[in-house]
Amino acid sequence: MVAIVLLAVALAATACTGGGSGGDPDAVRYTPGAAGIGDSFYPTLGNGGYDVQHYRIDLRYNEEGRVGGGVFIDAVATQNLSGFNLDFAGWDISDLSVDQAAVPFTREGEELVVTGVEIPDGDPFTVVILYSGTPEPYPSAALPFPIGWLSGSQGEQFVAAEPDAAHSWFPCNDHPLDKATFTIMVGAPAGYGTAANGERVLEDDGGGSASQDAGTASEWEMRTPMTTYLATMVLGEGWEVVPDPASSEASGVTVRNFLPPDLVDDAPPGLERTGEMITTLAGAFGPYPFDRYGIAVVEGLGSALENQTLSIFDRQMVAAPFFEYVLVHELAHQWFGNSVSLADWSDIWLNEGFATYAEMLWTEHVDGDAAYREDVANRMQAAQVAGYGPPGTPSPDDLFGGSVYQRGGLVLAALRDEIGDDAFFTTLRTYADRFADANATTADFITVAEEASGDDLGTFFDTWLYGDEIPEG
């Protein structure tokens, strides 16, 4: 029995070593990064073992509707890596290298599995992936309609990827927990305008690396960390980047919009108030978190999406009588959702509830306290009639239900009544500042609110976020 036990111990010790150690217990062990980052709703999104620092997306769109180019990913290992995964659906990969060396890879569903590497914990590495394909909308697990790379009725191309479609157009670590800076180069046929997140740092008529056979290209820098689902590119024939000097001067933020030909000299009514909106929300939330803002107007989205520094609006949304309030909503996301990003998709109310409450703040700014109170009361009544469930427990296959918007916004209205204006706005500003460029949970927000108010708010949040019944106002 003793000999058998000793043999078992020896075999176990040998099995626990790796990386060609020959059984040496002091040898460095290399293991693959995890195939998921740990999200409770979407466990296959994101990956473990590394932290992306920067993406360079370099793509060109041609008149046949094909897209080709590559992505350059600068990352740092967070363990001794023998391999790692990237999220990527569709498209054809022609070449993949790590630190300029070709390495083996396989495609397993929507996982791009890279093997044959030894990257020590803490070391930087660069992945280069060349790929091409014909973009197609992506069937989201969270929505009843496809998202990702979409085409408009005038031939415009645009990306709207929240929550799970970034990896449908570029290989990435597709989860908000791994934020990174971005460079995006967009190439297109002659006569097209092109736009992406951040600051335009280059515009040319065919000399950019992304353009090659295309007639125009632009390069954009997003120097503040961004989640993958907020990355976008937009291109359309005759579309132009239109500066808004009045809004820029009013807010101290460079405001520019990407507009179709017929709106270049005739911007939608309400858009001119962007500077006023930035200033108003900055008074409530703290300084605007980026150095640029604006919207892109397209057809074929059916809604609006808060892509970082360049929200995308459907043409019908721009023409709607409530356009002004949607503008405020998407702008508010630049603080809550974009700068302060959720750590798990189950906490989506932290994005949508906050942006919805910003609409109520805009009513207060424009029409005064009585109008604000009426707005809150009307929303409360509508939420009760609709029977909205608890915003803290959304459904993974219907992530953006009315509860996380309307009842989520009412959580904040009720919190303001509960702790008073001083503590409430201190809470919002502290939360925005403490978790800027990072991630937060509902528990983090509750901690900030309790610090600011000095109150135990456990029962309040349990009732509002997780109770089946909407509390009486």
Protein backbone atom coordinates (compact mmCIF):
# COMPACT_ATOMS: atom_id res chain seq x y z
CA MET A 1 0.00 0.00 0.00
CA VAL A 2 2.80 2.43 0.82
CA ALA A 3 4.48 1.87 -2.55
CA ILE A 4 1.21 2.41 -4.41
CA VAL A 5 0.56 5.65 -2.52
CA LEU A 6 4.08 6.95 -3.21
CA LEU A 7 3.68 6.10 -6.91
CA ALA A 8 0.35 7.95 -7.03
CA VAL A 9 1.92 11.01 -5.42
CA ALA A 10 4.78 10.97 -7.91
CA LEU A 11 2.41 10.69 -10.86
CA ALA A 12 0.28 13.54 -9.53
CA ALA A 13 3.33 15.75 -9.15
CA THR A 14 4.39 15.00 -12.71
CA ALA A 15 0.89 15.77 -14.02
CA CYS A 16 0.90 19.17 -12.30
CA THR A 17 3.98 20.38 -14.15
CA GLY A 18 3.91 21.60 -17.74
CA GLY A 19 5.59 23.57 -20.48
CA GLY A 20 8.17 20.86 -21.21
CA SER A 21 9.35 20.73 -17.60
CA GLY A 22 10.20 17.04 -17.63
CA GLY A 23 8.56 16.73 -14.22
CA ASP A 24 10.59 19.51 -12.57
CA PRO A 25 8.35 20.89 -9.78
CA ASP A 26 10.06 24.29 -10.06
CA ALA A 27 9.35 24.65 -13.79
CA VAL A 28 7.05 27.42 -15.00
CA ARG A 29 3.61 26.15 -15.93
CA TYR A 30 1.77 27.58 -18.94
CA THR A 31 -1.98 27.07 -19.35
CA PRO A 32 -4.66 28.33 -21.76
CA GLY A 33 -6.71 31.38 -20.87
CA ALA A 34 -10.35 30.78 -20.00
CA ALA A 35 -12.90 30.65 -22.82
CA GLY A 36 -15.23 33.03 -20.94
CA ILE A 37 -14.77 36.06 -18.72
CA GLY A 38 -17.45 35.04 -16.22
CA ASP A 39 -20.57 36.97 -17.18
CA SER A 40 -23.65 35.54 -15.46
CA PHE A 41 -25.92 36.13 -18.49
CA TYR A 42 -23.61 35.44 -21.43
CA PRO A 43 -20.86 33.05 -20.25
CA THR A 44 -19.27 32.66 -23.70
CA LEU A 45 -18.63 36.38 -24.10
CA GLY A 46 -15.16 37.58 -23.22
CA ASN A 47 -12.11 35.49 -22.40
CA GLY A 48 -9.58 35.11 -19.61
CA GLY A 49 -5.80 35.14 -19.35
CA TYR A 50 -5.05 38.53 -20.85
CA ASP A 51 -6.01 42.21 -20.78
CA VAL A 52 -6.32 44.08 -24.08
CA GLN A 53 -4.65 47.48 -24.05
CA HIS A 54 -5.34 48.69 -27.59
CA TYR A 55 -7.16 47.67 -30.78
CA ARG A 56 -6.25 48.95 -34.20
CA ILE A 57 -9.03 48.07 -36.64
CA ASP A 58 -8.03 48.68 -40.25
CA LEU A 59 -10.82 47.83 -42.70
CA ARG A 60 -11.92 48.85 -46.18
CA TYR A 61 -15.38 48.50 -47.73
CA ASN A 62 -15.72 48.13 -51.51
CA GLU A 63 -18.55 48.68 -53.96
CA GLU A 64 -19.33 44.94 -54.06
CA GLY A 65 -20.14 45.03 -50.34
CA ARG A 66 -17.01 43.15 -49.29
CA VAL A 67 -14.83 44.20 -46.39
CA GLY A 68 -11.17 43.32 -45.88
CA GLY A 69 -8.29 44.31 -43.66
CA GLY A 70 -7.16 43.37 -40.21
CA VAL A 71 -7.08 43.99 -36.50
CA PHE A 72 -3.95 44.55 -34.43
CA ILE A 73 -4.41 43.74 -30.74
CA ASP A 74 -1.94 44.85 -28.07
CA ALA A 75 -2.50 42.90 -24.86
CA VAL A 76 -0.83 41.92 -21.59
CA ALA A 77 -0.90 38.38 -20.22
CA THR A 78 -2.52 38.00 -16.79
CA GLN A 79 -1.23 34.44 -16.39
CA ASN A 80 1.40 32.23 -18.00
CA LEU A 81 -0.34 31.58 -21.30
CA SER A 82 0.00 28.52 -23.51
CA GLY A 83 -2.94 29.75 -25.58
CA PHE A 84 -5.90 32.09 -25.49
CA ASN A 85 -9.28 32.70 -27.07
CA LEU A 86 -10.75 35.64 -28.92
CA ASP A 87 -14.43 36.07 -29.70
CA PHE A 88 -15.07 36.08 -33.45
CA ALA A 89 -18.05 35.00 -35.57
CA GLY A 90 -17.99 34.51 -39.33
CA TRP A 91 -15.56 36.07 -41.83
CA ASP A 92 -12.49 34.35 -43.29
CA ILE A 93 -9.10 34.56 -41.61
CA SER A 94 -6.14 34.59 -44.00
CA ASP A 95 -3.33 35.09 -41.48
CA LEU A 96 -2.82 35.15 -37.71
CA SER A 97 0.40 35.91 -35.86
CA VAL A 98 1.53 36.55 -32.30
CA ASP A 99 4.54 38.85 -31.95
CA GLN A 100 5.20 38.50 -35.68
CA ALA A 101 5.29 34.68 -35.59
CA ALA A 102 2.62 32.54 -37.22
CA VAL A 103 0.85 30.36 -34.64
CA PRO A 104 -1.77 27.60 -34.82
CA PHE A 105 -5.42 28.51 -34.44
CA THR A 106 -8.83 26.88 -34.78
CA ARG A 107 -12.41 28.13 -35.07
CA GLU A 108 -14.81 26.58 -32.56
CA GLY A 109 -18.23 28.15 -32.98
CA GLU A 110 -17.73 31.82 -32.14
CA GLU A 111 -14.42 31.17 -30.38
CA LEU A 112 -11.11 31.82 -32.13
CA VAL A 113 -8.70 29.51 -30.28
CA VAL A 114 -4.99 30.40 -30.48
CA THR A 115 -2.42 27.81 -29.37
CA GLY A 116 1.30 27.18 -29.59
CA VAL A 117 2.47 30.17 -27.53
CA GLU A 118 4.32 30.66 -24.26
CA ILE A 119 3.66 34.14 -22.90
CA PRO A 120 4.76 34.81 -19.31
CA ASP A 121 2.40 36.47 -16.87
CA GLY A 122 2.74 40.25 -17.17
CA ASP A 123 4.37 40.25 -20.60
CA PRO A 124 2.91 42.32 -23.46
CA PHE A 125 2.13 40.66 -26.76
CA THR A 126 0.63 41.66 -30.11
CA VAL A 127 -1.84 39.65 -32.16
CA VAL A 128 -2.34 40.47 -35.85
CA ILE A 129 -5.32 38.95 -37.67
CA LEU A 130 -6.00 39.55 -41.36
CA TYR A 131 -9.53 38.71 -42.47
CA SER A 132 -12.25 39.48 -44.99
CA GLY A 133 -15.89 38.80 -45.72
CA THR A 134 -19.30 40.14 -46.56
CA PRO A 135 -20.79 41.71 -43.42
CA GLU A 136 -24.09 40.31 -42.24
CA PRO A 137 -26.35 41.26 -39.30
CA TYR A 138 -25.73 39.19 -36.18
CA PRO A 139 -28.49 37.26 -34.34
CA SER A 140 -28.15 38.63 -30.80
CA ALA A 141 -28.89 36.42 -27.80
CA ALA A 142 -30.34 39.44 -26.01
CA LEU A 143 -32.63 41.00 -28.61
CA PRO A 144 -35.44 39.87 -30.93
CA PHE A 145 -33.77 41.46 -33.98
CA PRO A 146 -30.27 41.28 -35.51
CA ILE A 147 -27.54 43.81 -34.75
CA GLY A 148 -23.87 44.33 -35.64
CA TRP A 149 -22.86 45.53 -39.12
CA LEU A 150 -26.01 46.89 -40.77
CA SER A 151 -26.89 48.46 -44.14
CA GLY A 152 -29.19 51.44 -44.65
CA SER A 153 -31.65 52.24 -47.38
CA GLN A 154 -29.25 54.70 -49.04
CA GLY A 155 -26.40 52.20 -49.05
CA GLU A 156 -24.87 53.51 -45.85
CA GLN A 157 -22.99 51.01 -43.65
CA PHE A 158 -22.87 51.24 -39.87
CA VAL A 159 -22.20 49.22 -36.74
CA ALA A 160 -24.57 48.99 -33.75
CA ALA A 161 -23.29 46.12 -31.60
CA GLU A 162 -24.76 46.30 -28.08
CA PRO A 163 -24.57 43.96 -26.26
CA ASP A 164 -22.98 40.98 -28.01
CA ALA A 165 -22.14 41.75 -31.63
CA ALA A 166 -18.73 43.43 -31.58
CA HIS A 167 -17.16 40.05 -32.32
CA SER A 168 -19.36 39.76 -35.41
CA TRP A 169 -17.14 42.29 -37.21
CA PHE A 170 -13.73 42.17 -35.51
CA PRO A 171 -11.91 39.62 -33.32
CA CYS A 172 -11.91 40.85 -29.74
CA ASN A 173 -12.33 40.16 -26.05
CA ASP A 174 -16.02 40.96 -26.28
CA HIS A 175 -17.06 41.98 -22.77
CA PRO A 176 -17.17 45.34 -20.94
CA LEU A 177 -14.74 44.04 -18.30
CA ASP A 178 -11.90 44.35 -20.83
CA LYS A 179 -11.88 47.98 -21.95
CA ALA A 180 -9.19 49.28 -24.28
CA THR A 181 -8.23 52.26 -26.39
CA PHE A 182 -8.92 52.12 -30.14
CA THR A 183 -7.60 53.28 -33.48
CA ILE A 184 -10.09 52.75 -36.30
CA MET A 185 -9.18 53.22 -39.96
CA VAL A 186 -12.14 53.20 -42.35
CA GLY A 187 -11.69 52.88 -46.11
CA ALA A 188 -14.49 53.25 -48.66
CA PRO A 189 -15.13 53.99 -52.36
CA ALA A 190 -14.62 57.47 -53.73
CA GLY A 191 -17.36 59.89 -52.72
CA TYR A 192 -18.07 58.18 -49.41
CA GLY A 193 -17.77 59.89 -46.06
CA THR A 194 -16.40 57.81 -43.20
CA ALA A 195 -16.53 58.14 -39.42
CA ALA A 196 -15.76 56.26 -36.21
CA ASN A 197 -15.31 56.84 -32.48
CA GLY A 198 -13.19 59.64 -31.07
CA GLU A 199 -11.06 62.19 -32.89
CA ARG A 200 -10.45 62.18 -36.63
CA VAL A 201 -6.68 62.32 -36.98
CA LEU A 202 -6.34 61.54 -40.69
CA GLU A 203 -8.43 61.97 -43.81
CA ASP A 204 -7.14 61.08 -47.27
CA ASP A 205 -8.25 60.29 -50.79
CA GLY A 206 -6.61 56.88 -51.13
CA GLY A 207 -3.26 56.94 -49.40
CA GLY A 208 -4.28 55.39 -46.07
CA SER A 209 -3.42 51.77 -45.34
CA ALA A 210 -7.09 50.89 -45.05
CA SER A 211 -8.01 52.45 -48.36
CA GLN A 212 -5.53 50.80 -50.77
CA ASP A 213 -7.99 50.04 -53.57
CA ALA A 214 -10.66 52.32 -52.10
CA GLY A 215 -11.07 55.96 -52.89
CA THR A 216 -11.23 57.52 -49.44
CA ALA A 217 -10.24 56.79 -45.87
CA SER A 218 -10.19 58.31 -42.42
CA GLU A 219 -8.46 57.38 -39.19
CA TRP A 220 -9.99 57.91 -35.76
CA GLU A 221 -8.46 57.73 -32.29
CA MET A 222 -10.41 56.78 -29.16
CA ARG A 223 -7.81 57.50 -26.49
CA THR A 224 -10.08 56.85 -23.52
CA PRO A 225 -10.81 53.17 -22.71
CA MET A 226 -13.91 51.84 -24.46
CA THR A 227 -15.87 48.60 -24.33
CA THR A 228 -15.93 46.55 -27.52
CA TYR A 229 -19.69 46.86 -28.10
CA LEU A 230 -19.39 50.65 -28.37
CA ALA A 231 -16.86 50.56 -31.22
CA THR A 232 -18.39 51.67 -34.52
CA MET A 233 -17.68 52.73 -38.03
CA VAL A 234 -20.15 54.54 -40.27
CA LEU A 235 -19.82 55.24 -43.98
CA GLY A 236 -22.11 56.55 -46.65
CA GLU A 237 -21.96 58.18 -50.05
CA GLY A 238 -22.07 61.93 -49.57
CA TRP A 239 -22.12 61.73 -45.76
CA GLU A 240 -20.03 64.44 -44.09
CA VAL A 241 -18.55 65.23 -40.69
CA VAL A 242 -20.23 68.53 -39.76
CA PRO A 243 -18.78 70.63 -36.92
CA ASP A 244 -21.15 72.27 -34.41
CA PRO A 245 -19.16 75.30 -33.23
CA ALA A 246 -22.01 76.75 -31.12
CA SER A 247 -22.43 73.55 -29.10
CA SER A 248 -18.67 73.20 -28.82
CA GLU A 249 -18.34 76.71 -27.41
CA ALA A 250 -21.27 76.29 -25.04
CA SER A 251 -20.00 73.02 -23.57
CA GLY A 252 -16.23 73.16 -23.91
CA VAL A 253 -16.46 69.80 -25.73
CA THR A 254 -15.74 69.39 -29.44
CA VAL A 255 -19.12 68.56 -31.00
CA ARG A 256 -19.32 67.19 -34.54
CA ASN A 257 -22.01 65.17 -36.28
CA PHE A 258 -21.90 62.73 -39.21
CA LEU A 259 -24.83 63.54 -41.46
CA PRO A 260 -26.32 62.37 -44.77
CA PRO A 261 -26.19 64.78 -47.72
CA ASP A 262 -29.62 66.35 -47.22
CA LEU A 263 -28.92 67.18 -43.56
CA VAL A 264 -25.42 68.61 -44.00
CA ASP A 265 -26.79 72.15 -44.40
CA ASP A 266 -30.10 71.53 -42.64
CA ALA A 267 -29.44 69.81 -39.31
CA PRO A 268 -32.44 68.25 -37.49
CA PRO A 269 -34.22 70.63 -35.08
CA GLY A 270 -33.08 70.00 -31.52
CA LEU A 271 -29.55 68.98 -32.46
CA GLU A 272 -28.41 72.56 -31.89
CA ARG A 273 -29.11 72.10 -28.16
CA THR A 274 -26.36 69.50 -27.77
CA GLY A 275 -24.04 71.94 -26.01
CA GLU A 276 -26.78 72.94 -23.58
CA MET A 277 -27.49 69.27 -22.89
CA ILE A 278 -23.84 68.51 -22.17
CA THR A 279 -23.65 71.44 -19.75
CA THR A 280 -26.90 70.46 -18.01
CA LEU A 281 -25.90 66.84 -17.50
CA ALA A 282 -22.40 67.83 -16.42
CA GLY A 283 -24.01 69.86 -13.64
CA ALA A 284 -25.75 66.72 -12.41
CA PHE A 285 -23.16 64.02 -13.15
CA GLY A 286 -19.80 65.83 -13.15
CA PRO A 287 -17.55 66.75 -16.08
CA TYR A 288 -18.27 65.21 -19.47
CA PRO A 289 -15.94 62.18 -19.62
CA PHE A 290 -14.59 62.50 -23.18
CA ASP A 291 -13.24 65.20 -25.48
CA ARG A 292 -15.67 64.66 -28.37
CA TYR A 293 -19.37 64.09 -28.94
CA GLY A 294 -21.90 63.97 -31.74
CA ILE A 295 -24.34 61.73 -33.56
CA ALA A 296 -24.47 59.88 -36.88
CA VAL A 297 -27.80 59.75 -38.71
CA VAL A 298 -28.60 56.60 -40.71
CA GLU A 299 -31.60 54.63 -41.94
CA GLY A 300 -32.20 51.02 -40.99
CA LEU A 301 -31.43 51.00 -37.26
CA GLY A 302 -34.93 51.68 -35.99
CA SER A 303 -33.66 53.20 -32.74
CA ALA A 304 -30.59 54.93 -31.32
CA LEU A 305 -27.39 53.63 -29.73
CA GLU A 306 -24.86 55.43 -27.54
CA ASN A 307 -21.62 54.43 -29.29
CA GLN A 308 -18.83 56.18 -27.42
CA THR A 309 -18.54 59.82 -28.61
CA LEU A 310 -20.63 59.03 -31.73
CA SER A 311 -24.19 57.94 -30.97
CA ILE A 312 -26.10 56.48 -33.93
CA PHE A 313 -29.67 57.61 -34.63
CA ASP A 314 -32.15 56.20 -37.08
CA ARG A 315 -33.65 58.77 -39.44
CA GLN A 316 -37.17 58.10 -38.08
CA MET A 317 -35.93 58.76 -34.55
CA VAL A 318 -34.44 62.09 -35.65
CA ALA A 319 -37.77 63.11 -37.18
CA ALA A 320 -39.82 62.08 -34.13
CA PRO A 321 -41.30 64.74 -31.80
CA PHE A 322 -39.39 63.23 -28.88
CA PHE A 323 -36.00 63.41 -30.63
CA GLU A 324 -34.71 65.93 -28.09
CA TYR A 325 -35.27 63.50 -25.22
CA VAL A 326 -33.59 60.63 -27.05
CA LEU A 327 -30.63 62.95 -27.60
CA VAL A 328 -30.42 63.50 -23.85
CA HIS A 329 -30.81 59.77 -23.19
CA GLU A 330 -27.93 58.73 -25.46
CA LEU A 331 -25.78 61.59 -24.24
CA ALA A 332 -26.28 60.50 -20.61
CA HIS A 333 -24.91 57.08 -21.54
CA GLN A 334 -21.54 58.69 -22.19
CA TRP A 335 -21.27 58.93 -18.40
CA PHE A 336 -23.29 55.86 -17.43
CA GLY A 337 -22.63 52.85 -19.63
CA ASN A 338 -19.64 54.22 -21.52
CA SER A 339 -17.30 55.83 -18.98
CA VAL A 340 -18.75 53.83 -16.07
CA SER A 341 -19.37 50.44 -17.66
CA LEU A 342 -21.26 47.55 -16.13
CA ALA A 343 -19.26 44.58 -14.87
CA ASP A 344 -22.00 42.05 -15.63
CA TRP A 345 -24.84 42.30 -18.15
CA SER A 346 -27.38 41.47 -15.43
CA ASP A 347 -26.83 45.03 -14.13
CA ILE A 348 -28.14 46.66 -17.33
CA TRP A 349 -30.37 48.99 -15.29
CA LEU A 350 -27.19 50.88 -14.36
CA ASN A 351 -27.03 51.94 -18.02
CA GLU A 352 -30.64 52.34 -19.07
CA GLY A 353 -32.18 53.48 -15.79
CA PHE A 354 -29.63 56.28 -15.46
CA ALA A 355 -30.11 57.44 -19.06
CA THR A 356 -33.88 57.40 -18.63
CA TYR A 357 -33.61 59.46 -15.47
CA ALA A 358 -31.55 61.99 -17.46
CA GLU A 359 -34.68 62.58 -19.57
CA MET A 360 -36.49 63.61 -16.37
CA LEU A 361 -33.62 65.93 -15.46
CA TRP A 362 -33.93 67.55 -18.89
CA THR A 363 -37.64 68.14 -18.26
CA GLU A 364 -36.69 69.78 -14.97
CA HIS A 365 -34.09 71.95 -16.69
CA VAL A 366 -36.41 73.04 -19.50
CA ASP A 367 -39.74 73.38 -17.70
CA GLY A 368 -39.03 73.49 -13.97
CA ASP A 369 -39.71 71.47 -10.82
CA ALA A 370 -43.47 71.10 -11.27
CA ALA A 371 -42.98 69.63 -14.75
CA TYR A 372 -40.36 67.27 -13.36
CA ARG A 373 -42.76 66.05 -10.67
CA GLU A 374 -45.49 65.56 -13.24
CA ASP A 375 -43.11 63.62 -15.51
CA VAL A 376 -42.13 61.31 -12.65
CA ALA A 377 -45.78 60.75 -11.68
CA ASN A 378 -46.80 59.99 -15.26
CA ARG A 379 -43.96 57.50 -15.67
CA MET A 380 -44.89 55.87 -12.38
CA GLN A 381 -48.48 55.44 -13.48
CA ALA A 382 -47.43 54.06 -16.87
CA ALA A 383 -45.02 51.60 -15.23
CA GLN A 384 -47.77 50.36 -12.92
CA VAL A 385 -50.22 49.94 -15.79
CA ALA A 386 -47.58 48.06 -17.80
CA GLY A 387 -46.82 45.86 -14.81
CA TYR A 388 -43.09 46.24 -15.18
CA GLY A 389 -41.14 43.71 -13.16
CA PRO A 390 -38.05 44.40 -11.07
CA PRO A 391 -35.29 46.17 -13.03
CA GLY A 392 -32.58 44.33 -11.10
CA THR A 393 -33.59 40.97 -12.61
CA PRO A 394 -33.93 41.40 -16.40
CA SER A 395 -34.23 38.46 -18.77
CA PRO A 396 -31.06 37.45 -20.68
CA ASP A 397 -33.09 36.93 -23.87
CA ASP A 398 -34.89 40.28 -23.53
CA LEU A 399 -32.21 42.43 -21.96
CA PHE A 400 -33.68 45.80 -22.90
CA GLY A 401 -37.21 45.44 -21.60
CA GLY A 402 -39.24 48.40 -20.38
CA SER A 403 -38.51 47.64 -16.74
CA VAL A 404 -34.79 48.45 -16.90
CA TYR A 405 -35.61 51.76 -18.61
CA GLN A 406 -38.71 53.10 -16.92
CA ARG A 407 -38.68 51.41 -13.54
CA GLY A 408 -34.88 51.73 -13.53
CA GLY A 409 -35.22 55.49 -13.99
CA LEU A 410 -37.86 55.64 -11.27
CA VAL A 411 -35.42 53.99 -8.85
CA LEU A 412 -33.30 57.13 -9.11
CA ALA A 413 -36.29 59.46 -8.80
CA ALA A 414 -37.30 57.63 -5.63
CA LEU A 415 -33.73 57.67 -4.31
CA ARG A 416 -33.63 61.44 -4.77
CA ASP A 417 -36.79 61.75 -2.66
CA GLU A 418 -35.40 59.30 -0.10
CA ILE A 419 -32.03 60.97 0.59
CA GLY A 420 -32.55 64.57 -0.62
CA ASP A 421 -30.97 66.57 -3.41
CA ASP A 422 -27.57 67.18 -1.82
CA ALA A 423 -26.85 63.53 -1.07
CA PHE A 424 -28.44 62.38 -4.33
CA PHE A 425 -26.35 64.52 -6.66
CA THR A 426 -23.25 63.83 -4.55
CA THR A 427 -23.99 60.15 -5.15
CA LEU A 428 -24.23 60.56 -8.93
CA ARG A 429 -21.08 62.66 -9.20
CA THR A 430 -19.07 60.42 -6.87
CA TYR A 431 -20.17 57.27 -8.69
CA ALA A 432 -19.29 58.78 -12.09
CA ASP A 433 -15.88 59.89 -10.83
CA ARG A 434 -14.93 56.82 -8.79
CA PHE A 435 -15.63 54.36 -11.59
CA ALA A 436 -14.65 56.51 -14.58
CA ASP A 437 -13.03 54.46 -17.37
CA ALA A 438 -13.74 51.32 -15.32
CA ASN A 439 -16.56 48.96 -14.36
CA ALA A 440 -19.15 48.97 -11.60
CA THR A 441 -21.89 46.82 -10.10
CA THR A 442 -25.19 47.59 -8.42
CA ALA A 443 -23.48 46.92 -5.10
CA ASP A 444 -20.90 49.60 -5.94
CA PHE A 445 -23.63 52.15 -6.59
CA ILE A 446 -25.44 51.28 -3.37
CA THR A 447 -22.18 51.71 -1.44
CA VAL A 448 -21.72 55.20 -2.89
CA ALA A 449 -25.32 56.17 -2.10
CA GLU A 450 -24.98 54.98 1.50
CA GLU A 451 -21.71 56.87 1.91
CA ALA A 452 -23.22 60.09 0.55
CA SER A 453 -26.42 59.86 2.59
CA GLY A 454 -25.15 58.20 5.76
CA ASP A 455 -28.20 55.91 5.57
CA ASP A 456 -28.65 52.16 5.36
CA LEU A 457 -30.41 51.83 2.01
CA GLY A 458 -30.57 48.05 1.80
CA THR A 459 -34.33 47.82 2.19
CA PHE A 460 -34.90 50.68 -0.24
CA PHE A 461 -32.87 49.08 -3.03
CA ASP A 462 -34.19 45.58 -2.35
CA THR A 463 -37.73 46.87 -2.75
CA TRP A 464 -37.15 49.01 -5.82
CA LEU A 465 -34.72 46.77 -7.71
CA TYR A 466 -35.88 43.28 -6.81
CA GLY A 467 -39.45 43.53 -5.53
CA ASP A 468 -42.24 42.32 -7.79
CA GLU A 469 -44.51 45.26 -7.01
CA ILE A 470 -43.65 48.87 -7.83
CA PRO A 471 -43.57 50.78 -4.53
CA GLU A 472 -46.14 53.52 -4.06
CA GLY A 473 -44.71 56.94 -4.82
